[in-house]
Every structure is written in C-alpha cells, then in structure tokens.
Amino acid sequence: MKQDQVEELLYQALETELGGEKVYQTAITCAENPELKEEWQKYRAETQNHQKVLLEAFGRIGLDPQKETPGRAVVRHKGGSLVAAMEMAKKDGGPGAAQLCAAESVVEAETKDHQNWELIGKVAENSDGEMAAALAEAFEQVEEQEDEHLYHTMGWARELWIESLGMPAVLPPPEEEKKVKTAIGAARAKNAREEMLT
C-alpha cells in the first residue's frame, strides 16, 4: 500500500468527523420534525465519539492529528460550505426549506464519512501490525453507526421532499422504522414504503 495515501485518507477522515459535528450542530437548528431533531442529536454525539476513536488510532500509529494536508483543507471547505448552505436556507428559504437543505447536507457529509470508513476497513484488512490492529478496532466501533447515519438520513431526505411536494410521506421513514444498517436493507425499506402508507 501507499503509506502517504493511507495517511491522507486518515487525515481526511478526521477532518470529515470534525466537520460532521458542525454539520449536525447546524442541521439540528434546521430540524422541525422532533424525531429527526432527536436522531441528529444522537448522531452528533456519535460523531463526537468517532473523533475520539480516530484520535486514539492516530496515537497508536503515530500520526499527528494537527497535520495539514491539501485534501484535509478541501474536506474542511466542503463541510463549511454545507453549513453555509443550511444557514442560507434558514435565512432566505423559510423553515421547511431549511429542514430539507439540512437533510441533504447531512446526506452529503455522511456519504464522504461512510466512504472513509469503508476504506479504513480495507486498509485494516490489508495491513499488519499496529496499523492493522488500531484501524480494525476503530472500524469495528464506528462502521455500523456510519451505515445508520447515511441510510436513515437518506430516507428522511426523500420523505421530507415527498411531503413538501404535497404527497403522502412516511415519517419517520421506513429506513428508521426497520432500523436499516446496510445498502440492501435501505433498498428493501424504500421499496416497502408504499405498504407503510396504507
């Protein structure tokens, strides 16, 4: 493996978690649905824990969590842009628009986060020694939560849009009701939404 690129992945993963906390802090202020707000508060707390998990892994493998990389700066910029978009929607678009923008912003942030952790799992599988052990332990603690964050919020975003279009929505979404934690489960939940409307 290319060690410099492994380190770049890990620095981007840390920055994604740091920015994710800010995305959730802002998204919570945009949420109108009390169940969604509660879910995002839970996810923010889990994101804060993911930061700690990564920092522990950094300590074990000797990475400086303060090190800047070009990719890390890009990730920080993208996260800041999502926060700015939500603030713009709150100011100019009204409450419903802000909640939709927040759901989409969380999906965008969690897509990157989810990919980071899948790749960390691959690095752990293909490493040895302390790198393999530290990353495997981190992956084990975080991966299932990342699946939930992404797939549940994708469901919320879809159903909030459907509701905003004046069609019957399933709230909370099927992904939430069925406690989805895989892409296959998310697809099945989405397909089951029509049954849940009746």
N, C-alpha and C. Protein backbone atom coordinates (compact mmCIF):
# COMPACT_ATOMS: atom_id res chain seq x y z
N MET A 1 0.84 -1.19 0.00
CA MET A 1 0.00 0.00 0.00
C MET A 1 0.88 1.25 0.00
N LYS A 2 0.29 2.34 -0.46
CA LYS A 2 0.99 3.62 -0.49
C LYS A 2 0.76 4.31 0.85
N GLN A 3 1.78 4.34 1.68
CA GLN A 3 1.65 4.85 3.04
C GLN A 3 1.21 6.32 3.06
N ASP A 4 1.73 7.13 2.12
CA ASP A 4 1.34 8.54 2.13
C ASP A 4 -0.15 8.70 1.83
N GLN A 5 -0.70 7.84 0.98
CA GLN A 5 -2.12 7.93 0.66
C GLN A 5 -2.98 7.36 1.80
N VAL A 6 -2.48 6.36 2.49
CA VAL A 6 -3.19 5.86 3.68
C VAL A 6 -3.30 6.98 4.71
N GLU A 7 -2.20 7.69 4.91
CA GLU A 7 -2.23 8.80 5.87
C GLU A 7 -3.18 9.90 5.41
N GLU A 8 -3.18 10.18 4.11
CA GLU A 8 -4.11 11.19 3.57
C GLU A 8 -5.56 10.79 3.86
N LEU A 9 -5.88 9.52 3.64
CA LEU A 9 -7.23 9.03 3.96
C LEU A 9 -7.56 9.28 5.43
N LEU A 10 -6.63 8.97 6.31
CA LEU A 10 -6.90 9.11 7.73
C LEU A 10 -7.05 10.58 8.13
N TYR A 11 -6.24 11.45 7.56
CA TYR A 11 -6.39 12.88 7.86
C TYR A 11 -7.72 13.41 7.33
N GLN A 12 -8.10 12.97 6.14
CA GLN A 12 -9.40 13.38 5.62
C GLN A 12 -10.54 12.83 6.48
N ALA A 13 -10.38 11.60 6.95
CA ALA A 13 -11.41 11.00 7.80
C ALA A 13 -11.58 11.81 9.09
N LEU A 14 -10.47 12.22 9.70
CA LEU A 14 -10.56 13.03 10.91
C LEU A 14 -11.23 14.36 10.61
N GLU A 15 -10.85 14.99 9.54
CA GLU A 15 -11.46 16.29 9.19
C GLU A 15 -12.94 16.12 8.88
N THR A 16 -13.31 15.01 8.26
CA THR A 16 -14.73 14.75 7.97
C THR A 16 -15.52 14.64 9.26
N GLU A 17 -14.96 13.97 10.27
CA GLU A 17 -15.65 13.85 11.55
C GLU A 17 -15.74 15.20 12.26
N LEU A 18 -14.69 15.99 12.20
CA LEU A 18 -14.71 17.32 12.82
C LEU A 18 -15.76 18.20 12.15
N GLY A 19 -15.76 18.18 10.81
CA GLY A 19 -16.74 18.97 10.08
C GLY A 19 -18.15 18.41 10.24
N GLY A 20 -18.25 17.09 10.38
CA GLY A 20 -19.56 16.46 10.58
C GLY A 20 -20.24 16.94 11.84
N GLU A 21 -19.45 17.17 12.88
CA GLU A 21 -20.04 17.70 14.12
C GLU A 21 -20.67 19.06 13.85
N LYS A 22 -19.99 19.90 13.10
CA LYS A 22 -20.54 21.23 12.78
C LYS A 22 -21.76 21.12 11.88
N VAL A 23 -21.73 20.18 10.93
CA VAL A 23 -22.90 19.97 10.08
C VAL A 23 -24.10 19.58 10.93
N TYR A 24 -23.89 18.65 11.88
CA TYR A 24 -25.01 18.24 12.74
C TYR A 24 -25.47 19.37 13.64
N GLN A 25 -24.55 20.15 14.19
CA GLN A 25 -24.95 21.27 15.05
C GLN A 25 -25.89 22.21 14.30
N THR A 26 -25.56 22.48 13.05
CA THR A 26 -26.40 23.39 12.25
C THR A 26 -27.68 22.69 11.82
N ALA A 27 -27.59 21.43 11.41
CA ALA A 27 -28.78 20.70 10.97
C ALA A 27 -29.83 20.62 12.07
N ILE A 28 -29.37 20.44 13.30
CA ILE A 28 -30.30 20.35 14.44
C ILE A 28 -31.11 21.64 14.54
N THR A 29 -30.50 22.78 14.27
CA THR A 29 -31.22 24.06 14.35
C THR A 29 -32.21 24.22 13.21
N CYS A 30 -32.06 23.43 12.15
CA CYS A 30 -32.97 23.49 11.00
C CYS A 30 -34.12 22.49 11.11
N ALA A 31 -33.97 21.49 11.96
CA ALA A 31 -34.96 20.41 12.03
C ALA A 31 -36.25 20.90 12.68
N GLU A 32 -37.35 20.64 12.01
CA GLU A 32 -38.67 20.92 12.57
C GLU A 32 -39.30 19.66 13.16
N ASN A 33 -39.06 18.55 12.52
CA ASN A 33 -39.62 17.28 12.99
C ASN A 33 -38.89 16.87 14.26
N PRO A 34 -39.60 16.68 15.37
CA PRO A 34 -38.93 16.37 16.64
C PRO A 34 -38.17 15.05 16.62
N GLU A 35 -38.68 14.06 15.88
CA GLU A 35 -37.96 12.77 15.80
C GLU A 35 -36.66 12.92 15.02
N LEU A 36 -36.69 13.73 13.97
CA LEU A 36 -35.48 13.97 13.20
C LEU A 36 -34.46 14.73 14.04
N LYS A 37 -34.92 15.74 14.76
CA LYS A 37 -34.02 16.51 15.62
C LYS A 37 -33.37 15.60 16.66
N GLU A 38 -34.15 14.72 17.25
CA GLU A 38 -33.62 13.78 18.24
C GLU A 38 -32.58 12.84 17.61
N GLU A 39 -32.88 12.38 16.41
CA GLU A 39 -31.95 11.48 15.72
C GLU A 39 -30.63 12.19 15.43
N TRP A 40 -30.71 13.42 14.95
CA TRP A 40 -29.49 14.15 14.64
C TRP A 40 -28.70 14.49 15.90
N GLN A 41 -29.37 14.70 17.01
CA GLN A 41 -28.65 14.92 18.27
C GLN A 41 -27.87 13.66 18.66
N LYS A 42 -28.49 12.52 18.45
CA LYS A 42 -27.81 11.24 18.71
C LYS A 42 -26.60 11.09 17.78
N TYR A 43 -26.80 11.38 16.50
CA TYR A 43 -25.72 11.24 15.53
C TYR A 43 -24.58 12.22 15.81
N ARG A 44 -24.91 13.42 16.28
CA ARG A 44 -23.85 14.38 16.63
C ARG A 44 -22.99 13.81 17.76
N ALA A 45 -23.64 13.24 18.77
CA ALA A 45 -22.89 12.64 19.88
C ALA A 45 -22.03 11.47 19.38
N GLU A 46 -22.57 10.66 18.49
CA GLU A 46 -21.78 9.55 17.94
C GLU A 46 -20.62 10.07 17.10
N THR A 47 -20.83 11.16 16.37
CA THR A 47 -19.76 11.76 15.58
C THR A 47 -18.65 12.27 16.49
N GLN A 48 -19.01 12.87 17.61
CA GLN A 48 -18.00 13.30 18.57
C GLN A 48 -17.20 12.10 19.08
N ASN A 49 -17.86 10.99 19.29
CA ASN A 49 -17.16 9.78 19.72
C ASN A 49 -16.26 9.24 18.60
N HIS A 50 -16.70 9.35 17.35
CA HIS A 50 -15.89 8.89 16.22
C HIS A 50 -14.58 9.69 16.15
N GLN A 51 -14.65 10.96 16.50
CA GLN A 51 -13.43 11.77 16.56
C GLN A 51 -12.46 11.17 17.58
N LYS A 52 -12.98 10.82 18.74
CA LYS A 52 -12.14 10.23 19.80
C LYS A 52 -11.54 8.90 19.35
N VAL A 53 -12.36 8.09 18.69
CA VAL A 53 -11.89 6.79 18.20
C VAL A 53 -10.73 6.98 17.21
N LEU A 54 -10.90 7.92 16.29
CA LEU A 54 -9.84 8.18 15.32
C LEU A 54 -8.59 8.73 15.99
N LEU A 55 -8.77 9.63 16.95
CA LEU A 55 -7.61 10.19 17.64
C LEU A 55 -6.85 9.11 18.41
N GLU A 56 -7.56 8.16 18.98
CA GLU A 56 -6.90 7.03 19.64
C GLU A 56 -6.08 6.22 18.63
N ALA A 57 -6.66 5.98 17.45
CA ALA A 57 -5.94 5.24 16.40
C ALA A 57 -4.72 6.04 15.94
N PHE A 58 -4.88 7.35 15.80
CA PHE A 58 -3.74 8.20 15.41
C PHE A 58 -2.61 8.04 16.42
N GLY A 59 -2.95 8.06 17.70
CA GLY A 59 -1.94 7.91 18.74
C GLY A 59 -1.22 6.57 18.64
N ARG A 60 -1.95 5.53 18.35
CA ARG A 60 -1.35 4.19 18.27
C ARG A 60 -0.43 4.03 17.06
N ILE A 61 -0.75 4.72 15.95
CA ILE A 61 0.07 4.54 14.75
C ILE A 61 1.01 5.71 14.49
N GLY A 62 1.01 6.68 15.40
CA GLY A 62 2.00 7.76 15.33
C GLY A 62 1.69 8.87 14.34
N LEU A 63 0.40 9.18 14.13
CA LEU A 63 0.04 10.29 13.26
C LEU A 63 -0.25 11.54 14.09
N ASP A 64 0.16 12.69 13.58
CA ASP A 64 -0.08 13.97 14.23
C ASP A 64 -1.46 14.49 13.81
N PRO A 65 -2.43 14.56 14.72
CA PRO A 65 -3.78 14.98 14.33
C PRO A 65 -3.86 16.44 13.88
N GLN A 66 -2.82 17.21 14.13
CA GLN A 66 -2.81 18.62 13.72
C GLN A 66 -2.23 18.83 12.32
N LYS A 67 -1.66 17.79 11.75
CA LYS A 67 -1.02 17.93 10.44
C LYS A 67 -2.03 18.35 9.38
N GLU A 68 -1.65 19.32 8.58
CA GLU A 68 -2.49 19.78 7.48
C GLU A 68 -2.07 19.11 6.18
N THR A 69 -3.04 18.77 5.38
CA THR A 69 -2.79 18.25 4.03
C THR A 69 -3.71 18.97 3.07
N PRO A 70 -3.38 19.00 1.78
CA PRO A 70 -4.27 19.65 0.81
C PRO A 70 -5.68 19.03 0.81
N GLY A 71 -5.74 17.71 0.90
CA GLY A 71 -7.04 17.05 0.92
C GLY A 71 -7.85 17.39 2.15
N ARG A 72 -7.18 17.51 3.26
CA ARG A 72 -7.86 17.87 4.51
C ARG A 72 -8.47 19.27 4.40
N ALA A 73 -7.73 20.19 3.77
CA ALA A 73 -8.25 21.54 3.58
C ALA A 73 -9.50 21.53 2.69
N VAL A 74 -9.49 20.68 1.67
CA VAL A 74 -10.66 20.57 0.78
C VAL A 74 -11.86 20.04 1.56
N VAL A 75 -11.64 19.02 2.37
CA VAL A 75 -12.73 18.44 3.17
C VAL A 75 -13.30 19.51 4.12
N ARG A 76 -12.43 20.28 4.74
CA ARG A 76 -12.88 21.34 5.66
C ARG A 76 -13.72 22.37 4.91
N HIS A 77 -13.27 22.73 3.70
CA HIS A 77 -14.00 23.70 2.89
C HIS A 77 -15.40 23.18 2.53
N LYS A 78 -15.45 21.91 2.11
CA LYS A 78 -16.74 21.32 1.73
C LYS A 78 -17.70 21.29 2.92
N GLY A 79 -17.19 20.91 4.10
CA GLY A 79 -18.04 20.90 5.28
C GLY A 79 -18.55 22.28 5.63
N GLY A 80 -17.66 23.28 5.52
CA GLY A 80 -18.07 24.66 5.78
C GLY A 80 -19.12 25.13 4.79
N SER A 81 -19.01 24.66 3.55
CA SER A 81 -20.00 25.02 2.53
C SER A 81 -21.37 24.44 2.86
N LEU A 82 -21.40 23.23 3.40
CA LEU A 82 -22.68 22.63 3.79
C LEU A 82 -23.32 23.43 4.93
N VAL A 83 -22.51 23.83 5.89
CA VAL A 83 -23.02 24.66 7.00
C VAL A 83 -23.55 25.99 6.45
N ALA A 84 -22.79 26.61 5.55
CA ALA A 84 -23.22 27.89 4.96
C ALA A 84 -24.52 27.73 4.18
N ALA A 85 -24.67 26.62 3.47
CA ALA A 85 -25.91 26.38 2.70
C ALA A 85 -27.11 26.27 3.63
N MET A 86 -26.94 25.57 4.75
CA MET A 86 -28.05 25.46 5.70
C MET A 86 -28.40 26.81 6.30
N GLU A 87 -27.39 27.60 6.64
CA GLU A 87 -27.64 28.94 7.19
C GLU A 87 -28.37 29.80 6.16
N MET A 88 -27.99 29.69 4.89
CA MET A 88 -28.66 30.43 3.83
C MET A 88 -30.12 30.00 3.71
N ALA A 89 -30.36 28.69 3.78
CA ALA A 89 -31.73 28.19 3.68
C ALA A 89 -32.58 28.66 4.86
N LYS A 90 -31.99 28.70 6.05
CA LYS A 90 -32.72 29.20 7.22
C LYS A 90 -33.09 30.67 7.05
N LYS A 91 -32.16 31.43 6.51
CA LYS A 91 -32.36 32.88 6.39
C LYS A 91 -33.31 33.23 5.24
N ASP A 92 -33.12 32.59 4.10
CA ASP A 92 -33.84 33.00 2.89
C ASP A 92 -34.96 32.08 2.45
N GLY A 93 -34.94 30.82 2.90
CA GLY A 93 -35.89 29.86 2.35
C GLY A 93 -37.04 29.49 3.25
N GLY A 94 -37.00 29.87 4.49
CA GLY A 94 -38.06 29.51 5.40
C GLY A 94 -37.80 28.17 6.07
N PRO A 95 -38.60 27.87 7.08
CA PRO A 95 -38.34 26.66 7.89
C PRO A 95 -38.33 25.36 7.11
N GLY A 96 -39.30 25.12 6.26
CA GLY A 96 -39.35 23.87 5.52
C GLY A 96 -38.14 23.70 4.62
N ALA A 97 -37.72 24.79 3.99
CA ALA A 97 -36.55 24.74 3.11
C ALA A 97 -35.29 24.43 3.90
N ALA A 98 -35.20 24.99 5.09
CA ALA A 98 -34.02 24.76 5.92
C ALA A 98 -33.92 23.29 6.33
N GLN A 99 -35.04 22.68 6.68
CA GLN A 99 -35.03 21.27 7.08
C GLN A 99 -34.63 20.38 5.90
N LEU A 100 -35.15 20.68 4.71
CA LEU A 100 -34.78 19.91 3.52
C LEU A 100 -33.29 20.08 3.21
N CYS A 101 -32.82 21.30 3.26
CA CYS A 101 -31.41 21.56 2.99
C CYS A 101 -30.54 20.84 4.01
N ALA A 102 -30.97 20.84 5.26
CA ALA A 102 -30.21 20.16 6.31
C ALA A 102 -30.13 18.66 6.05
N ALA A 103 -31.25 18.06 5.67
CA ALA A 103 -31.24 16.62 5.38
C ALA A 103 -30.30 16.31 4.22
N GLU A 104 -30.36 17.12 3.17
CA GLU A 104 -29.46 16.90 2.04
C GLU A 104 -28.01 17.11 2.44
N SER A 105 -27.75 18.12 3.27
CA SER A 105 -26.38 18.40 3.71
C SER A 105 -25.82 17.25 4.54
N VAL A 106 -26.66 16.70 5.41
CA VAL A 106 -26.21 15.56 6.23
C VAL A 106 -25.92 14.37 5.31
N VAL A 107 -26.77 14.13 4.32
CA VAL A 107 -26.53 13.02 3.39
C VAL A 107 -25.19 13.23 2.67
N GLU A 108 -24.91 14.44 2.23
CA GLU A 108 -23.65 14.69 1.52
C GLU A 108 -22.46 14.47 2.45
N ALA A 109 -22.54 14.98 3.67
CA ALA A 109 -21.44 14.79 4.62
C ALA A 109 -21.26 13.32 4.98
N GLU A 110 -22.37 12.63 5.20
CA GLU A 110 -22.30 11.22 5.59
C GLU A 110 -21.87 10.31 4.44
N THR A 111 -22.08 10.73 3.20
CA THR A 111 -21.61 9.94 2.08
C THR A 111 -20.09 9.88 2.09
N LYS A 112 -19.45 11.01 2.30
CA LYS A 112 -17.98 11.05 2.41
C LYS A 112 -17.52 10.27 3.64
N ASP A 113 -18.19 10.48 4.75
CA ASP A 113 -17.84 9.81 6.00
C ASP A 113 -17.94 8.30 5.86
N HIS A 114 -19.03 7.85 5.26
CA HIS A 114 -19.26 6.42 5.05
C HIS A 114 -18.16 5.81 4.18
N GLN A 115 -17.82 6.53 3.11
CA GLN A 115 -16.76 6.04 2.23
C GLN A 115 -15.42 5.97 2.97
N ASN A 116 -15.13 7.01 3.76
CA ASN A 116 -13.88 6.99 4.53
C ASN A 116 -13.77 5.71 5.36
N TRP A 117 -14.84 5.38 6.06
CA TRP A 117 -14.79 4.23 6.97
C TRP A 117 -14.73 2.91 6.21
N GLU A 118 -15.40 2.83 5.05
CA GLU A 118 -15.25 1.62 4.23
C GLU A 118 -13.79 1.44 3.83
N LEU A 119 -13.15 2.55 3.44
CA LEU A 119 -11.74 2.48 3.02
C LEU A 119 -10.82 2.17 4.20
N ILE A 120 -11.13 2.73 5.36
CA ILE A 120 -10.34 2.40 6.56
C ILE A 120 -10.43 0.90 6.85
N GLY A 121 -11.62 0.33 6.67
CA GLY A 121 -11.77 -1.12 6.83
C GLY A 121 -10.90 -1.89 5.84
N LYS A 122 -10.83 -1.41 4.60
CA LYS A 122 -9.98 -2.06 3.58
C LYS A 122 -8.50 -1.95 3.96
N VAL A 123 -8.09 -0.78 4.45
CA VAL A 123 -6.70 -0.61 4.86
C VAL A 123 -6.38 -1.56 6.01
N ALA A 124 -7.30 -1.67 6.97
CA ALA A 124 -7.08 -2.57 8.11
C ALA A 124 -6.91 -4.01 7.63
N GLU A 125 -7.73 -4.43 6.68
CA GLU A 125 -7.65 -5.80 6.15
C GLU A 125 -6.33 -6.07 5.44
N ASN A 126 -5.75 -5.04 4.86
CA ASN A 126 -4.56 -5.21 4.04
C ASN A 126 -3.28 -4.71 4.71
N SER A 127 -3.36 -4.45 6.01
CA SER A 127 -2.19 -4.00 6.77
C SER A 127 -1.77 -5.10 7.73
N ASP A 128 -0.71 -4.83 8.46
CA ASP A 128 -0.33 -5.75 9.54
C ASP A 128 0.17 -4.92 10.72
N GLY A 129 0.46 -5.60 11.79
CA GLY A 129 0.99 -4.94 12.97
C GLY A 129 0.01 -3.98 13.62
N GLU A 130 0.56 -2.92 14.21
CA GLU A 130 -0.25 -1.96 14.96
C GLU A 130 -1.22 -1.20 14.06
N MET A 131 -0.82 -0.92 12.81
CA MET A 131 -1.72 -0.25 11.87
C MET A 131 -2.98 -1.08 11.68
N ALA A 132 -2.83 -2.35 11.42
CA ALA A 132 -3.99 -3.23 11.21
C ALA A 132 -4.85 -3.30 12.46
N ALA A 133 -4.22 -3.47 13.61
CA ALA A 133 -4.98 -3.61 14.86
C ALA A 133 -5.72 -2.34 15.21
N ALA A 134 -5.03 -1.19 15.13
CA ALA A 134 -5.65 0.09 15.50
C ALA A 134 -6.82 0.42 14.58
N LEU A 135 -6.63 0.24 13.28
CA LEU A 135 -7.70 0.59 12.33
C LEU A 135 -8.84 -0.41 12.37
N ALA A 136 -8.54 -1.69 12.60
CA ALA A 136 -9.61 -2.68 12.71
C ALA A 136 -10.49 -2.40 13.93
N GLU A 137 -9.87 -2.04 15.04
CA GLU A 137 -10.64 -1.73 16.25
C GLU A 137 -11.48 -0.48 16.05
N ALA A 138 -10.91 0.53 15.41
CA ALA A 138 -11.67 1.75 15.13
C ALA A 138 -12.85 1.46 14.21
N PHE A 139 -12.59 0.72 13.14
CA PHE A 139 -13.63 0.35 12.18
C PHE A 139 -14.76 -0.39 12.87
N GLU A 140 -14.43 -1.33 13.72
CA GLU A 140 -15.43 -2.13 14.43
C GLU A 140 -16.35 -1.25 15.29
N GLN A 141 -15.79 -0.22 15.88
CA GLN A 141 -16.57 0.66 16.75
C GLN A 141 -17.49 1.60 15.98
N VAL A 142 -17.13 1.92 14.74
CA VAL A 142 -17.78 3.04 14.05
C VAL A 142 -18.64 2.62 12.86
N GLU A 143 -18.26 1.60 12.13
CA GLU A 143 -18.87 1.32 10.83
C GLU A 143 -20.39 1.19 10.86
N GLU A 144 -20.93 0.45 11.80
CA GLU A 144 -22.38 0.25 11.82
C GLU A 144 -23.12 1.57 12.06
N GLN A 145 -22.56 2.41 12.90
CA GLN A 145 -23.19 3.72 13.13
C GLN A 145 -23.15 4.56 11.87
N GLU A 146 -22.04 4.50 11.13
CA GLU A 146 -21.96 5.26 9.89
C GLU A 146 -23.01 4.80 8.88
N ASP A 147 -23.23 3.50 8.81
CA ASP A 147 -24.28 2.98 7.92
C ASP A 147 -25.63 3.58 8.30
N GLU A 148 -25.93 3.56 9.58
CA GLU A 148 -27.21 4.10 10.06
C GLU A 148 -27.32 5.59 9.73
N HIS A 149 -26.27 6.35 10.00
CA HIS A 149 -26.32 7.79 9.74
C HIS A 149 -26.68 8.07 8.28
N LEU A 150 -26.01 7.37 7.37
CA LEU A 150 -26.24 7.62 5.95
C LEU A 150 -27.61 7.14 5.49
N TYR A 151 -27.92 5.87 5.73
CA TYR A 151 -29.15 5.31 5.16
C TYR A 151 -30.41 5.90 5.80
N HIS A 152 -30.38 6.16 7.09
CA HIS A 152 -31.56 6.75 7.73
C HIS A 152 -31.79 8.17 7.24
N THR A 153 -30.71 8.96 7.13
CA THR A 153 -30.89 10.34 6.70
C THR A 153 -31.29 10.41 5.23
N MET A 154 -30.81 9.47 4.41
CA MET A 154 -31.28 9.43 3.02
C MET A 154 -32.80 9.22 2.99
N GLY A 155 -33.28 8.36 3.87
CA GLY A 155 -34.73 8.14 3.95
C GLY A 155 -35.47 9.39 4.40
N TRP A 156 -34.93 10.07 5.41
CA TRP A 156 -35.54 11.32 5.87
C TRP A 156 -35.59 12.34 4.74
N ALA A 157 -34.48 12.50 4.02
CA ALA A 157 -34.44 13.49 2.94
C ALA A 157 -35.50 13.18 1.87
N ARG A 158 -35.59 11.92 1.50
CA ARG A 158 -36.58 11.52 0.48
C ARG A 158 -38.00 11.82 0.96
N GLU A 159 -38.32 11.38 2.17
CA GLU A 159 -39.69 11.54 2.66
C GLU A 159 -40.04 13.00 2.94
N LEU A 160 -39.08 13.79 3.39
CA LEU A 160 -39.35 15.22 3.58
C LEU A 160 -39.62 15.90 2.25
N TRP A 161 -38.87 15.50 1.21
CA TRP A 161 -39.15 16.05 -0.11
C TRP A 161 -40.54 15.64 -0.58
N ILE A 162 -40.88 14.37 -0.41
CA ILE A 162 -42.20 13.89 -0.84
C ILE A 162 -43.29 14.68 -0.12
N GLU A 163 -43.12 14.88 1.18
CA GLU A 163 -44.09 15.65 1.95
C GLU A 163 -44.18 17.08 1.42
N SER A 164 -43.03 17.69 1.12
CA SER A 164 -43.04 19.08 0.64
C SER A 164 -43.71 19.21 -0.72
N LEU A 165 -43.74 18.12 -1.49
CA LEU A 165 -44.39 18.13 -2.79
C LEU A 165 -45.90 17.92 -2.69
N GLY A 166 -46.38 17.70 -1.47
CA GLY A 166 -47.81 17.53 -1.27
C GLY A 166 -48.30 16.11 -1.42
N MET A 167 -47.38 15.17 -1.37
CA MET A 167 -47.76 13.76 -1.47
C MET A 167 -47.63 13.11 -0.10
N PRO A 168 -48.31 11.98 0.10
CA PRO A 168 -48.20 11.30 1.40
C PRO A 168 -46.78 10.79 1.64
N ALA A 169 -46.27 11.09 2.81
CA ALA A 169 -44.92 10.69 3.17
C ALA A 169 -44.97 9.73 4.35
N VAL A 170 -43.92 8.95 4.48
CA VAL A 170 -43.78 8.03 5.60
C VAL A 170 -42.75 8.65 6.56
N LEU A 171 -43.24 9.21 7.63
CA LEU A 171 -42.38 9.86 8.63
C LEU A 171 -42.65 9.28 10.01
N PRO A 172 -41.64 8.80 10.72
CA PRO A 172 -40.28 8.65 10.25
C PRO A 172 -40.20 7.67 9.09
N PRO A 173 -39.12 7.75 8.31
CA PRO A 173 -39.04 6.94 7.08
C PRO A 173 -38.89 5.45 7.36
N PRO A 174 -39.16 4.64 6.35
CA PRO A 174 -39.05 3.18 6.53
C PRO A 174 -37.67 2.74 7.00
N GLU A 175 -36.62 3.43 6.56
CA GLU A 175 -35.26 3.08 6.98
C GLU A 175 -35.11 3.17 8.49
N GLU A 176 -35.81 4.14 9.07
CA GLU A 176 -35.77 4.34 10.52
C GLU A 176 -36.58 3.25 11.22
N GLU A 177 -37.77 3.03 10.72
CA GLU A 177 -38.67 2.04 11.33
C GLU A 177 -38.07 0.64 11.29
N LYS A 178 -37.37 0.33 10.20
CA LYS A 178 -36.81 -1.01 10.03
C LYS A 178 -35.37 -1.11 10.53
N LYS A 179 -34.87 -0.01 11.11
CA LYS A 179 -33.52 0.02 11.69
C LYS A 179 -32.46 -0.46 10.70
N VAL A 180 -32.50 0.11 9.50
CA VAL A 180 -31.63 -0.27 8.40
C VAL A 180 -30.16 0.05 8.71
N LYS A 181 -29.28 -0.90 8.36
CA LYS A 181 -27.84 -0.68 8.55
C LYS A 181 -27.02 -1.18 7.35
N THR A 182 -27.71 -1.50 6.24
CA THR A 182 -27.00 -1.93 5.02
C THR A 182 -27.66 -1.32 3.80
N ALA A 183 -26.92 -1.29 2.70
CA ALA A 183 -27.47 -0.77 1.44
C ALA A 183 -28.65 -1.64 0.98
N ILE A 184 -28.54 -2.94 1.15
CA ILE A 184 -29.64 -3.84 0.77
C ILE A 184 -30.86 -3.57 1.64
N GLY A 185 -30.64 -3.40 2.93
CA GLY A 185 -31.74 -3.09 3.84
C GLY A 185 -32.40 -1.76 3.48
N ALA A 186 -31.58 -0.77 3.08
CA ALA A 186 -32.13 0.53 2.69
C ALA A 186 -33.00 0.40 1.44
N ALA A 187 -32.54 -0.40 0.47
CA ALA A 187 -33.32 -0.61 -0.75
C ALA A 187 -34.64 -1.31 -0.44
N ARG A 188 -34.59 -2.30 0.44
CA ARG A 188 -35.82 -3.01 0.82
C ARG A 188 -36.78 -2.08 1.56
N ALA A 189 -36.24 -1.25 2.45
CA ALA A 189 -37.09 -0.32 3.20
C ALA A 189 -37.76 0.67 2.25
N LYS A 190 -36.99 1.19 1.31
CA LYS A 190 -37.54 2.13 0.33
C LYS A 190 -38.65 1.48 -0.47
N ASN A 191 -38.46 0.22 -0.87
CA ASN A 191 -39.48 -0.50 -1.63
C ASN A 191 -40.72 -0.78 -0.80
N ALA A 192 -40.57 -0.84 0.53
CA ALA A 192 -41.71 -1.15 1.39
C ALA A 192 -42.52 0.08 1.77
N ARG A 193 -42.09 1.26 1.34
CA ARG A 193 -42.75 2.49 1.80
C ARG A 193 -44.21 2.56 1.35
N GLU A 194 -44.53 2.04 0.17
CA GLU A 194 -45.91 2.09 -0.30
C GLU A 194 -46.84 1.32 0.62
N GLU A 195 -46.37 0.17 1.10
CA GLU A 195 -47.17 -0.62 2.04
C GLU A 195 -47.38 0.13 3.35
N MET A 196 -46.37 0.90 3.75
CA MET A 196 -46.44 1.62 5.01
C MET A 196 -47.41 2.80 4.93
N LEU A 197 -47.75 3.25 3.73
CA LEU A 197 -48.69 4.36 3.57
C LEU A 197 -50.12 3.92 3.78
N THR A 198 -50.40 2.61 3.61
CA THR A 198 -51.77 2.15 3.71
C THR A 198 -52.14 1.73 5.11
